[in-house]
Amino acid sequence: MSTDSYPRRGNGFSRALARGFLKLIGWKVVRPLPEIPKAVMIGGPHTSNWDGIVTLAAMMELGLDAHVMIKDSAFKGPLGSLLRWMGALPIDRSKAGGVVEQTVAKFNEHDKLFMIVAPEGTRSGASQWKTGFYRIAEKSGVPIIVASADYRKKEIDFPLVVPASGDLETDLATILNCYAKVHPRHPEKLSAPIKALRDKVE
């Protein structure tokens, strides 16, 4: 396996199973995932629980070994092993430096790592995006992969790879403009930054 490829998990059976599930519900992945060993992946627009379901199926079809950060208290007991198997990594929110610094540390510890972050933070019309994902990418020196789920086309796509240049305003505008063209499950629940751009597009 190339050291430049994205981190992988699963096998032919699990990928076929996921592909079959997506086909059953009418969805498809329309673009290969960029062959990058480390990245922060953001998903959107986030307006429904179905977003997570189709995204997880897409990740399984691609064989991507991706991770999310979850508070460490959730890992106590038998649930901890299950969470780790699913790709969750524990984070201590009371620790100095918080989520950003601990996630950066995880990137520094691994040769290959994909972290999934939901910058909208909620599926119910967030007033603004959380920018922690950008600070993580910038401090880790890794790019941001934009992932989208379009409910009109029923397509999962990876339309952009955005290097964190240090110019948050410009880079965020590029990302938001990409999501403004994507049709969510519930348009009325769009986050305010995407809705403002979408209203201009339409």
N, C-alpha and C. Protein backbone atom coordinates (compact mmCIF):
# COMPACT_ATOMS: atom_id res chain seq x y z
N MET A 1 0.85 -1.20 0.00
CA MET A 1 0.00 0.00 0.00
C MET A 1 0.88 1.25 0.00
N SER A 2 0.55 2.19 -0.84
CA SER A 2 1.33 3.42 -0.93
C SER A 2 1.23 4.24 0.35
N THR A 3 2.37 4.83 0.74
CA THR A 3 2.36 5.67 1.94
C THR A 3 1.63 6.98 1.68
N ASP A 4 1.33 7.26 0.41
CA ASP A 4 0.62 8.49 0.07
C ASP A 4 -0.90 8.29 0.00
N SER A 5 -1.35 7.03 0.17
CA SER A 5 -2.78 6.77 0.07
C SER A 5 -3.47 7.07 1.38
N TYR A 6 -4.79 7.23 1.33
CA TYR A 6 -5.54 7.49 2.55
C TYR A 6 -5.61 6.23 3.42
N PRO A 7 -5.79 6.39 4.74
CA PRO A 7 -5.84 5.22 5.63
C PRO A 7 -7.06 4.36 5.33
N ARG A 8 -6.85 3.05 5.30
CA ARG A 8 -7.91 2.14 4.87
C ARG A 8 -8.26 1.12 5.95
N ARG A 9 -9.50 0.64 5.85
CA ARG A 9 -9.97 -0.45 6.70
C ARG A 9 -11.01 -1.24 5.91
N GLY A 10 -11.37 -2.40 6.42
CA GLY A 10 -12.38 -3.21 5.75
C GLY A 10 -11.80 -4.08 4.65
N ASN A 11 -12.68 -4.68 3.86
CA ASN A 11 -12.26 -5.58 2.79
C ASN A 11 -13.27 -5.51 1.65
N GLY A 12 -13.10 -6.38 0.67
CA GLY A 12 -13.98 -6.38 -0.49
C GLY A 12 -15.44 -6.61 -0.12
N PHE A 13 -15.67 -7.47 0.87
CA PHE A 13 -17.04 -7.77 1.28
C PHE A 13 -17.72 -6.54 1.89
N SER A 14 -17.02 -5.87 2.83
CA SER A 14 -17.63 -4.71 3.49
C SER A 14 -17.86 -3.57 2.49
N ARG A 15 -16.95 -3.41 1.53
CA ARG A 15 -17.14 -2.37 0.52
C ARG A 15 -18.32 -2.68 -0.38
N ALA A 16 -18.46 -3.96 -0.76
CA ALA A 16 -19.59 -4.36 -1.60
C ALA A 16 -20.91 -4.21 -0.85
N LEU A 17 -20.89 -4.53 0.43
CA LEU A 17 -22.09 -4.40 1.25
C LEU A 17 -22.55 -2.95 1.31
N ALA A 18 -21.60 -2.05 1.53
CA ALA A 18 -21.93 -0.63 1.61
C ALA A 18 -22.41 -0.11 0.25
N ARG A 19 -21.76 -0.56 -0.81
CA ARG A 19 -22.16 -0.13 -2.15
C ARG A 19 -23.58 -0.61 -2.45
N GLY A 20 -23.89 -1.83 -2.03
CA GLY A 20 -25.23 -2.36 -2.24
C GLY A 20 -26.28 -1.59 -1.46
N PHE A 21 -25.95 -1.20 -0.22
CA PHE A 21 -26.88 -0.42 0.59
C PHE A 21 -27.17 0.93 -0.06
N LEU A 22 -26.11 1.61 -0.50
CA LEU A 22 -26.30 2.91 -1.15
C LEU A 22 -27.14 2.77 -2.41
N LYS A 23 -26.88 1.72 -3.19
CA LYS A 23 -27.65 1.50 -4.41
C LYS A 23 -29.12 1.25 -4.08
N LEU A 24 -29.35 0.51 -3.00
CA LEU A 24 -30.72 0.20 -2.58
C LEU A 24 -31.51 1.46 -2.27
N ILE A 25 -30.86 2.45 -1.64
CA ILE A 25 -31.57 3.69 -1.29
C ILE A 25 -31.38 4.78 -2.35
N GLY A 26 -30.75 4.39 -3.47
CA GLY A 26 -30.66 5.30 -4.61
C GLY A 26 -29.49 6.26 -4.61
N TRP A 27 -28.51 6.03 -3.74
CA TRP A 27 -27.36 6.93 -3.63
C TRP A 27 -26.13 6.33 -4.30
N LYS A 28 -25.16 7.21 -4.60
CA LYS A 28 -23.88 6.74 -5.14
C LYS A 28 -22.76 7.73 -4.80
N VAL A 29 -21.55 7.22 -4.73
CA VAL A 29 -20.36 8.05 -4.59
C VAL A 29 -19.89 8.41 -5.99
N VAL A 30 -19.73 9.71 -6.28
CA VAL A 30 -19.48 10.13 -7.66
C VAL A 30 -18.03 10.52 -7.93
N ARG A 31 -17.20 10.55 -6.91
CA ARG A 31 -15.81 10.96 -7.12
C ARG A 31 -14.90 10.17 -6.17
N PRO A 32 -13.75 9.71 -6.65
CA PRO A 32 -12.83 9.00 -5.76
C PRO A 32 -12.34 9.93 -4.65
N LEU A 33 -12.09 9.34 -3.50
CA LEU A 33 -11.52 10.10 -2.39
C LEU A 33 -10.06 10.43 -2.71
N PRO A 34 -9.64 11.68 -2.50
CA PRO A 34 -8.24 12.03 -2.79
C PRO A 34 -7.26 11.15 -2.03
N GLU A 35 -6.21 10.74 -2.70
CA GLU A 35 -5.18 9.89 -2.09
C GLU A 35 -4.24 10.74 -1.25
N ILE A 36 -4.69 11.05 -0.04
CA ILE A 36 -3.95 11.89 0.89
C ILE A 36 -3.83 11.12 2.21
N PRO A 37 -2.64 11.03 2.80
CA PRO A 37 -2.48 10.23 4.02
C PRO A 37 -3.08 10.86 5.27
N LYS A 38 -3.12 12.19 5.33
CA LYS A 38 -3.66 12.87 6.50
C LYS A 38 -4.57 14.01 6.04
N ALA A 39 -5.71 14.17 6.71
CA ALA A 39 -6.61 15.26 6.35
C ALA A 39 -7.67 15.45 7.43
N VAL A 40 -8.19 16.67 7.49
CA VAL A 40 -9.41 16.96 8.23
C VAL A 40 -10.54 16.92 7.21
N MET A 41 -11.53 16.07 7.43
CA MET A 41 -12.67 15.99 6.52
C MET A 41 -13.88 16.64 7.17
N ILE A 42 -14.50 17.56 6.44
CA ILE A 42 -15.72 18.19 6.95
C ILE A 42 -16.89 17.78 6.07
N GLY A 43 -18.06 17.63 6.68
CA GLY A 43 -19.24 17.21 5.95
C GLY A 43 -20.37 18.22 6.07
N GLY A 44 -21.17 18.32 5.03
CA GLY A 44 -22.30 19.23 5.05
C GLY A 44 -23.09 19.16 3.76
N PRO A 45 -24.14 19.93 3.64
CA PRO A 45 -24.80 20.62 4.76
C PRO A 45 -25.44 19.59 5.70
N HIS A 46 -25.47 19.90 6.98
CA HIS A 46 -25.97 18.96 7.98
C HIS A 46 -27.36 19.38 8.44
N THR A 47 -28.39 18.70 7.91
CA THR A 47 -29.78 19.05 8.27
C THR A 47 -30.60 17.84 8.69
N SER A 48 -30.00 16.63 8.69
CA SER A 48 -30.77 15.42 8.96
C SER A 48 -29.86 14.32 9.52
N ASN A 49 -30.45 13.42 10.30
CA ASN A 49 -29.70 12.26 10.77
C ASN A 49 -29.27 11.36 9.62
N TRP A 50 -29.99 11.43 8.50
CA TRP A 50 -29.63 10.64 7.33
C TRP A 50 -28.27 11.02 6.77
N ASP A 51 -27.83 12.26 7.04
CA ASP A 51 -26.51 12.69 6.57
C ASP A 51 -25.43 11.73 7.06
N GLY A 52 -25.50 11.41 8.33
CA GLY A 52 -24.51 10.51 8.92
C GLY A 52 -24.59 9.11 8.35
N ILE A 53 -25.82 8.64 8.09
CA ILE A 53 -26.00 7.28 7.59
C ILE A 53 -25.39 7.12 6.20
N VAL A 54 -25.71 8.05 5.28
CA VAL A 54 -25.17 7.93 3.92
C VAL A 54 -23.66 8.18 3.90
N THR A 55 -23.20 9.05 4.79
CA THR A 55 -21.76 9.33 4.85
C THR A 55 -21.00 8.11 5.35
N LEU A 56 -21.50 7.46 6.40
CA LEU A 56 -20.84 6.27 6.92
C LEU A 56 -20.82 5.16 5.87
N ALA A 57 -21.92 5.01 5.14
CA ALA A 57 -21.96 4.00 4.08
C ALA A 57 -20.94 4.31 2.99
N ALA A 58 -20.82 5.59 2.65
CA ALA A 58 -19.83 5.99 1.65
C ALA A 58 -18.41 5.71 2.13
N MET A 59 -18.14 6.01 3.40
CA MET A 59 -16.82 5.75 3.94
C MET A 59 -16.50 4.25 3.91
N MET A 60 -17.52 3.42 4.19
CA MET A 60 -17.31 1.98 4.17
C MET A 60 -17.07 1.49 2.74
N GLU A 61 -17.81 2.04 1.78
CA GLU A 61 -17.60 1.65 0.38
C GLU A 61 -16.18 1.98 -0.08
N LEU A 62 -15.68 3.13 0.36
CA LEU A 62 -14.34 3.56 -0.03
C LEU A 62 -13.25 2.87 0.78
N GLY A 63 -13.64 2.19 1.85
CA GLY A 63 -12.67 1.54 2.71
C GLY A 63 -11.84 2.52 3.53
N LEU A 64 -12.42 3.69 3.82
CA LEU A 64 -11.70 4.72 4.55
C LEU A 64 -11.71 4.46 6.05
N ASP A 65 -10.54 4.51 6.66
CA ASP A 65 -10.41 4.41 8.11
C ASP A 65 -10.39 5.84 8.65
N ALA A 66 -11.55 6.34 9.05
CA ALA A 66 -11.68 7.72 9.53
C ALA A 66 -12.04 7.73 11.00
N HIS A 67 -11.78 8.86 11.66
CA HIS A 67 -11.97 8.95 13.10
C HIS A 67 -12.71 10.23 13.49
N VAL A 68 -13.35 10.16 14.65
CA VAL A 68 -13.97 11.34 15.26
C VAL A 68 -13.51 11.40 16.71
N MET A 69 -13.46 12.61 17.25
CA MET A 69 -13.09 12.79 18.65
C MET A 69 -14.36 12.83 19.50
N ILE A 70 -14.37 12.02 20.57
CA ILE A 70 -15.52 11.95 21.48
C ILE A 70 -15.00 12.08 22.91
N LYS A 71 -15.78 12.73 23.77
CA LYS A 71 -15.34 12.95 25.15
C LYS A 71 -14.95 11.64 25.81
N ASP A 72 -13.87 11.68 26.59
CA ASP A 72 -13.28 10.47 27.14
C ASP A 72 -14.20 9.71 28.09
N SER A 73 -15.13 10.41 28.73
CA SER A 73 -16.03 9.74 29.67
C SER A 73 -16.91 8.70 28.99
N ALA A 74 -17.12 8.84 27.67
CA ALA A 74 -17.96 7.89 26.94
C ALA A 74 -17.26 6.56 26.74
N PHE A 75 -15.95 6.49 27.00
CA PHE A 75 -15.18 5.28 26.73
C PHE A 75 -15.11 4.35 27.94
N LYS A 76 -15.75 4.73 29.04
CA LYS A 76 -15.72 3.89 30.23
C LYS A 76 -16.62 2.67 30.04
N GLY A 77 -16.15 1.53 30.50
CA GLY A 77 -16.94 0.31 30.39
C GLY A 77 -16.85 -0.32 29.02
N PRO A 78 -17.74 -1.29 28.75
CA PRO A 78 -17.69 -2.05 27.49
C PRO A 78 -17.92 -1.19 26.25
N LEU A 79 -18.59 -0.05 26.41
CA LEU A 79 -18.85 0.81 25.26
C LEU A 79 -17.55 1.35 24.67
N GLY A 80 -16.52 1.48 25.50
CA GLY A 80 -15.25 2.03 25.04
C GLY A 80 -14.64 1.24 23.89
N SER A 81 -14.66 -0.08 24.01
CA SER A 81 -14.09 -0.94 22.96
C SER A 81 -14.86 -0.78 21.66
N LEU A 82 -16.18 -0.69 21.76
CA LEU A 82 -17.01 -0.52 20.57
C LEU A 82 -16.72 0.82 19.90
N LEU A 83 -16.61 1.88 20.70
CA LEU A 83 -16.34 3.19 20.14
C LEU A 83 -14.99 3.22 19.43
N ARG A 84 -13.99 2.60 20.04
CA ARG A 84 -12.67 2.56 19.40
C ARG A 84 -12.72 1.77 18.10
N TRP A 85 -13.45 0.67 18.08
CA TRP A 85 -13.59 -0.14 16.87
C TRP A 85 -14.26 0.67 15.76
N MET A 86 -15.19 1.53 16.14
CA MET A 86 -15.90 2.36 15.16
C MET A 86 -15.07 3.57 14.70
N GLY A 87 -13.91 3.78 15.33
CA GLY A 87 -13.05 4.86 14.88
C GLY A 87 -13.03 6.08 15.78
N ALA A 88 -13.71 6.02 16.92
CA ALA A 88 -13.73 7.16 17.83
C ALA A 88 -12.43 7.22 18.63
N LEU A 89 -11.97 8.44 18.90
CA LEU A 89 -10.79 8.66 19.72
C LEU A 89 -11.17 9.51 20.92
N PRO A 90 -10.69 9.16 22.12
CA PRO A 90 -11.10 9.90 23.33
C PRO A 90 -10.42 11.26 23.43
N ILE A 91 -11.16 12.24 23.94
CA ILE A 91 -10.61 13.57 24.17
C ILE A 91 -11.04 14.08 25.53
N ASP A 92 -10.12 14.66 26.26
CA ASP A 92 -10.38 15.21 27.59
C ASP A 92 -10.66 16.70 27.45
N ARG A 93 -11.93 17.09 27.55
CA ARG A 93 -12.32 18.48 27.33
C ARG A 93 -11.82 19.41 28.44
N SER A 94 -11.45 18.83 29.58
CA SER A 94 -10.96 19.66 30.68
C SER A 94 -9.46 19.92 30.59
N LYS A 95 -8.80 19.22 29.70
CA LYS A 95 -7.35 19.34 29.57
C LYS A 95 -6.96 20.64 28.89
N ALA A 96 -5.85 21.22 29.32
CA ALA A 96 -5.36 22.47 28.74
C ALA A 96 -5.14 22.29 27.25
N GLY A 97 -5.58 23.29 26.46
CA GLY A 97 -5.43 23.21 25.02
C GLY A 97 -6.69 22.75 24.33
N GLY A 98 -7.50 22.00 25.06
CA GLY A 98 -8.81 21.60 24.54
C GLY A 98 -8.75 20.70 23.32
N VAL A 99 -9.86 20.70 22.60
CA VAL A 99 -10.05 19.78 21.48
C VAL A 99 -9.01 19.99 20.39
N VAL A 100 -8.74 21.24 20.05
CA VAL A 100 -7.83 21.53 18.94
C VAL A 100 -6.45 20.96 19.19
N GLU A 101 -5.85 21.28 20.33
CA GLU A 101 -4.48 20.85 20.60
C GLU A 101 -4.38 19.33 20.72
N GLN A 102 -5.39 18.71 21.31
CA GLN A 102 -5.35 17.25 21.45
C GLN A 102 -5.50 16.56 20.09
N THR A 103 -6.30 17.15 19.21
CA THR A 103 -6.45 16.57 17.88
C THR A 103 -5.17 16.76 17.06
N VAL A 104 -4.55 17.91 17.20
CA VAL A 104 -3.27 18.15 16.54
C VAL A 104 -2.25 17.12 17.00
N ALA A 105 -2.25 16.82 18.30
CA ALA A 105 -1.34 15.82 18.85
C ALA A 105 -1.58 14.45 18.21
N LYS A 106 -2.85 14.11 17.97
CA LYS A 106 -3.16 12.83 17.32
C LYS A 106 -2.57 12.79 15.91
N PHE A 107 -2.66 13.90 15.19
CA PHE A 107 -2.07 13.95 13.85
C PHE A 107 -0.56 13.75 13.91
N ASN A 108 0.06 14.33 14.92
CA ASN A 108 1.51 14.21 15.05
C ASN A 108 1.95 12.80 15.41
N GLU A 109 1.02 12.04 16.00
CA GLU A 109 1.34 10.68 16.44
C GLU A 109 1.19 9.64 15.33
N HIS A 110 0.51 10.01 14.24
CA HIS A 110 0.18 9.02 13.21
C HIS A 110 0.75 9.41 11.83
N ASP A 111 1.15 8.39 11.07
CA ASP A 111 1.59 8.61 9.69
C ASP A 111 0.40 8.81 8.77
N LYS A 112 -0.72 8.18 9.14
CA LYS A 112 -1.95 8.33 8.36
C LYS A 112 -3.11 8.57 9.33
N LEU A 113 -3.91 9.58 9.04
CA LEU A 113 -5.04 9.88 9.93
C LEU A 113 -6.03 10.79 9.22
N PHE A 114 -7.29 10.39 9.21
CA PHE A 114 -8.39 11.23 8.75
C PHE A 114 -9.28 11.53 9.94
N MET A 115 -9.51 12.80 10.22
CA MET A 115 -10.41 13.21 11.28
C MET A 115 -11.65 13.84 10.66
N ILE A 116 -12.82 13.37 11.06
CA ILE A 116 -14.08 13.92 10.55
C ILE A 116 -14.63 14.92 11.55
N VAL A 117 -14.95 16.11 11.07
CA VAL A 117 -15.46 17.18 11.92
C VAL A 117 -16.70 17.78 11.26
N ALA A 118 -17.73 18.06 12.07
CA ALA A 118 -18.95 18.71 11.57
C ALA A 118 -18.93 20.17 12.03
N PRO A 119 -18.48 21.09 11.18
CA PRO A 119 -18.33 22.48 11.60
C PRO A 119 -19.63 23.20 11.93
N GLU A 120 -20.76 22.68 11.42
CA GLU A 120 -22.04 23.32 11.75
C GLU A 120 -22.46 23.00 13.19
N GLY A 121 -22.02 21.86 13.70
CA GLY A 121 -22.25 21.52 15.09
C GLY A 121 -23.66 21.06 15.42
N THR A 122 -24.60 21.29 14.54
CA THR A 122 -26.00 20.92 14.76
C THR A 122 -26.69 20.76 13.42
N ARG A 123 -27.80 20.03 13.38
CA ARG A 123 -28.56 19.90 12.14
C ARG A 123 -29.76 20.84 12.13
N SER A 124 -29.78 21.81 13.03
CA SER A 124 -30.95 22.69 13.17
C SER A 124 -30.61 24.16 13.00
N GLY A 125 -30.00 24.50 11.87
CA GLY A 125 -29.81 25.90 11.51
C GLY A 125 -28.86 26.68 12.38
N ALA A 126 -27.62 26.23 12.48
CA ALA A 126 -26.63 26.95 13.28
C ALA A 126 -26.45 28.39 12.77
N SER A 127 -26.26 29.31 13.68
CA SER A 127 -26.11 30.71 13.29
C SER A 127 -24.74 30.99 12.68
N GLN A 128 -23.75 30.17 13.04
CA GLN A 128 -22.42 30.31 12.46
C GLN A 128 -21.67 28.99 12.54
N TRP A 129 -20.59 28.88 11.78
CA TRP A 129 -19.77 27.67 11.79
C TRP A 129 -18.74 27.74 12.91
N LYS A 130 -18.44 26.59 13.49
CA LYS A 130 -17.33 26.49 14.42
C LYS A 130 -16.05 26.33 13.60
N THR A 131 -15.01 27.07 13.95
CA THR A 131 -13.80 27.08 13.13
C THR A 131 -12.67 26.22 13.69
N GLY A 132 -12.99 25.38 14.67
CA GLY A 132 -11.97 24.50 15.23
C GLY A 132 -11.35 23.60 14.18
N PHE A 133 -12.15 23.14 13.21
CA PHE A 133 -11.63 22.26 12.17
C PHE A 133 -10.51 22.94 11.39
N TYR A 134 -10.65 24.25 11.19
CA TYR A 134 -9.64 24.99 10.43
C TYR A 134 -8.35 25.12 11.24
N ARG A 135 -8.48 25.41 12.52
CA ARG A 135 -7.30 25.55 13.37
C ARG A 135 -6.55 24.22 13.48
N ILE A 136 -7.32 23.13 13.53
CA ILE A 136 -6.70 21.81 13.57
C ILE A 136 -5.88 21.57 12.30
N ALA A 137 -6.49 21.83 11.15
CA ALA A 137 -5.81 21.61 9.87
C ALA A 137 -4.57 22.50 9.75
N GLU A 138 -4.71 23.76 10.14
CA GLU A 138 -3.61 24.70 10.03
C GLU A 138 -2.43 24.29 10.92
N LYS A 139 -2.72 23.96 12.17
CA LYS A 139 -1.66 23.61 13.11
C LYS A 139 -1.04 22.25 12.81
N SER A 140 -1.81 21.37 12.19
CA SER A 140 -1.30 20.03 11.86
C SER A 140 -0.60 20.01 10.51
N GLY A 141 -0.81 21.05 9.72
CA GLY A 141 -0.22 21.08 8.38
C GLY A 141 -0.87 20.10 7.43
N VAL A 142 -2.18 19.85 7.62
CA VAL A 142 -2.90 18.92 6.75
C VAL A 142 -4.00 19.67 6.00
N PRO A 143 -4.41 19.17 4.84
CA PRO A 143 -5.48 19.83 4.09
C PRO A 143 -6.87 19.51 4.63
N ILE A 144 -7.84 20.27 4.15
CA ILE A 144 -9.25 20.06 4.49
C ILE A 144 -9.94 19.46 3.28
N ILE A 145 -10.55 18.30 3.47
CA ILE A 145 -11.33 17.68 2.39
C ILE A 145 -12.80 18.00 2.62
N VAL A 146 -13.44 18.58 1.61
CA VAL A 146 -14.85 18.92 1.68
C VAL A 146 -15.66 17.72 1.18
N ALA A 147 -16.55 17.20 2.03
CA ALA A 147 -17.44 16.10 1.65
C ALA A 147 -18.88 16.62 1.67
N SER A 148 -19.66 16.21 0.68
CA SER A 148 -21.04 16.70 0.60
C SER A 148 -22.00 15.57 0.26
N ALA A 149 -23.25 15.75 0.71
CA ALA A 149 -24.32 14.80 0.39
C ALA A 149 -25.47 15.60 -0.21
N ASP A 150 -25.71 15.40 -1.50
CA ASP A 150 -26.74 16.15 -2.23
C ASP A 150 -27.99 15.28 -2.35
N TYR A 151 -29.08 15.72 -1.72
CA TYR A 151 -30.30 14.91 -1.67
C TYR A 151 -31.12 14.98 -2.94
N ARG A 152 -30.92 15.99 -3.76
CA ARG A 152 -31.63 16.06 -5.03
C ARG A 152 -31.01 15.09 -6.03
N LYS A 153 -29.68 15.07 -6.06
CA LYS A 153 -28.97 14.18 -6.97
C LYS A 153 -28.71 12.81 -6.35
N LYS A 154 -28.84 12.73 -5.03
CA LYS A 154 -28.50 11.53 -4.27
C LYS A 154 -27.06 11.12 -4.54
N GLU A 155 -26.17 12.07 -4.34
CA GLU A 155 -24.76 11.87 -4.61
C GLU A 155 -23.89 12.27 -3.42
N ILE A 156 -22.92 11.42 -3.10
CA ILE A 156 -21.88 11.78 -2.13
C ILE A 156 -20.65 12.19 -2.93
N ASP A 157 -20.11 13.34 -2.63
CA ASP A 157 -19.01 13.87 -3.43
C ASP A 157 -17.92 14.44 -2.53
N PHE A 158 -16.74 14.59 -3.11
CA PHE A 158 -15.60 15.22 -2.44
C PHE A 158 -15.05 16.30 -3.38
N PRO A 159 -15.79 17.42 -3.50
CA PRO A 159 -15.51 18.39 -4.56
C PRO A 159 -14.27 19.25 -4.36
N LEU A 160 -13.78 19.36 -3.12
CA LEU A 160 -12.67 20.27 -2.87
C LEU A 160 -11.66 19.71 -1.87
N VAL A 161 -10.40 20.01 -2.13
CA VAL A 161 -9.34 19.84 -1.14
C VAL A 161 -8.76 21.23 -0.91
N VAL A 162 -8.90 21.73 0.31
CA VAL A 162 -8.51 23.10 0.60
C VAL A 162 -7.32 23.11 1.57
N PRO A 163 -6.15 23.56 1.14
CA PRO A 163 -5.05 23.72 2.09
C PRO A 163 -5.38 24.85 3.07
N ALA A 164 -5.07 24.67 4.33
CA ALA A 164 -5.31 25.74 5.32
C ALA A 164 -4.19 26.76 5.17
N SER A 165 -4.45 27.82 4.43
CA SER A 165 -3.43 28.80 4.08
C SER A 165 -3.07 29.75 5.21
N GLY A 166 -3.94 29.78 6.23
CA GLY A 166 -3.78 30.77 7.30
C GLY A 166 -4.72 31.93 7.14
N ASP A 167 -5.32 32.05 5.95
CA ASP A 167 -6.32 33.09 5.68
C ASP A 167 -7.70 32.47 5.87
N LEU A 168 -8.15 32.44 7.12
CA LEU A 168 -9.42 31.78 7.45
C LEU A 168 -10.58 32.33 6.65
N GLU A 169 -10.68 33.63 6.54
CA GLU A 169 -11.82 34.25 5.86
C GLU A 169 -11.93 33.81 4.40
N THR A 170 -10.79 33.82 3.71
CA THR A 170 -10.80 33.44 2.29
C THR A 170 -11.07 31.95 2.11
N ASP A 171 -10.40 31.12 2.92
CA ASP A 171 -10.57 29.68 2.79
C ASP A 171 -11.99 29.26 3.16
N LEU A 172 -12.55 29.87 4.20
CA LEU A 172 -13.91 29.54 4.61
C LEU A 172 -14.92 29.95 3.54
N ALA A 173 -14.69 31.08 2.90
CA ALA A 173 -15.58 31.52 1.82
C ALA A 173 -15.57 30.51 0.67
N THR A 174 -14.40 29.97 0.36
CA THR A 174 -14.29 28.96 -0.70
C THR A 174 -15.10 27.73 -0.35
N ILE A 175 -15.00 27.28 0.90
CA ILE A 175 -15.73 26.10 1.35
C ILE A 175 -17.23 26.34 1.35
N LEU A 176 -17.65 27.47 1.88
CA LEU A 176 -19.08 27.78 1.95
C LEU A 176 -19.70 27.88 0.57
N ASN A 177 -18.97 28.47 -0.37
CA ASN A 177 -19.48 28.59 -1.74
C ASN A 177 -19.72 27.22 -2.36
N CYS A 178 -18.88 26.26 -2.00
CA CYS A 178 -19.08 24.91 -2.50
C CYS A 178 -20.37 24.31 -1.95
N TYR A 179 -20.62 24.48 -0.66
CA TYR A 179 -21.82 23.92 -0.05
C TYR A 179 -23.09 24.64 -0.47
N ALA A 180 -22.98 25.87 -0.91
CA ALA A 180 -24.16 26.63 -1.32
C ALA A 180 -24.85 25.99 -2.53
N LYS A 181 -24.12 25.16 -3.27
CA LYS A 181 -24.67 24.53 -4.47
C LYS A 181 -25.23 23.14 -4.19
N VAL A 182 -25.11 22.68 -2.94
CA VAL A 182 -25.55 21.34 -2.57
C VAL A 182 -26.96 21.39 -1.99
N HIS A 183 -27.80 20.43 -2.40
CA HIS A 183 -29.20 20.41 -1.94
C HIS A 183 -29.35 19.51 -0.70
N PRO A 184 -29.67 20.10 0.46
CA PRO A 184 -29.79 19.31 1.69
C PRO A 184 -31.15 18.61 1.78
N ARG A 185 -31.28 17.75 2.75
CA ARG A 185 -32.57 17.07 2.97
C ARG A 185 -33.63 18.06 3.45
N HIS A 186 -33.23 18.96 4.35
CA HIS A 186 -34.16 19.95 4.89
C HIS A 186 -33.60 21.36 4.69
N PRO A 187 -33.88 22.01 3.57
CA PRO A 187 -33.33 23.34 3.28
C PRO A 187 -33.63 24.37 4.38
N GLU A 188 -34.76 24.22 5.04
CA GLU A 188 -35.13 25.18 6.08
C GLU A 188 -34.23 25.09 7.31
N LYS A 189 -33.43 24.02 7.41
CA LYS A 189 -32.54 23.85 8.54
C LYS A 189 -31.08 24.17 8.21
N LEU A 190 -30.85 24.76 7.06
CA LEU A 190 -29.48 25.12 6.68
C LEU A 190 -28.86 26.08 7.69
N SER A 191 -27.57 25.96 7.91
CA SER A 191 -26.88 26.92 8.77
C SER A 191 -26.89 28.28 8.09
N ALA A 192 -26.87 29.33 8.89
CA ALA A 192 -27.02 30.69 8.37
C ALA A 192 -26.00 31.06 7.29
N PRO A 193 -24.70 30.72 7.45
CA PRO A 193 -23.74 31.10 6.42
C PRO A 193 -24.02 30.47 5.06
N ILE A 194 -24.45 29.19 5.05
CA ILE A 194 -24.76 28.53 3.78
C ILE A 194 -26.07 29.08 3.21
N LYS A 195 -27.06 29.30 4.08
CA LYS A 195 -28.36 29.79 3.62
C LYS A 195 -28.21 31.16 2.95
N ALA A 196 -27.38 32.02 3.52
CA ALA A 196 -27.19 33.35 2.94
C ALA A 196 -26.63 33.26 1.52
N LEU A 197 -25.68 32.36 1.32
CA LEU A 197 -25.11 32.19 -0.01
C LEU A 197 -26.09 31.48 -0.96
N ARG A 198 -26.81 30.52 -0.44
CA ARG A 198 -27.77 29.77 -1.27
C ARG A 198 -28.87 30.70 -1.78
N ASP A 199 -29.31 31.61 -0.95
CA ASP A 199 -30.35 32.56 -1.35
C ASP A 199 -29.87 33.42 -2.54
N LYS A 200 -28.57 33.74 -2.56
CA LYS A 200 -28.02 34.51 -3.67
C LYS A 200 -27.94 33.68 -4.93
N VAL A 201 -27.56 32.38 -4.78
CA VAL A 201 -27.45 31.49 -5.91
C VAL A 201 -28.80 31.28 -6.57
N GLU A 202 -29.83 31.14 -5.75
CA GLU A 202 -31.17 30.88 -6.28
C GLU A 202 -31.87 32.16 -6.70
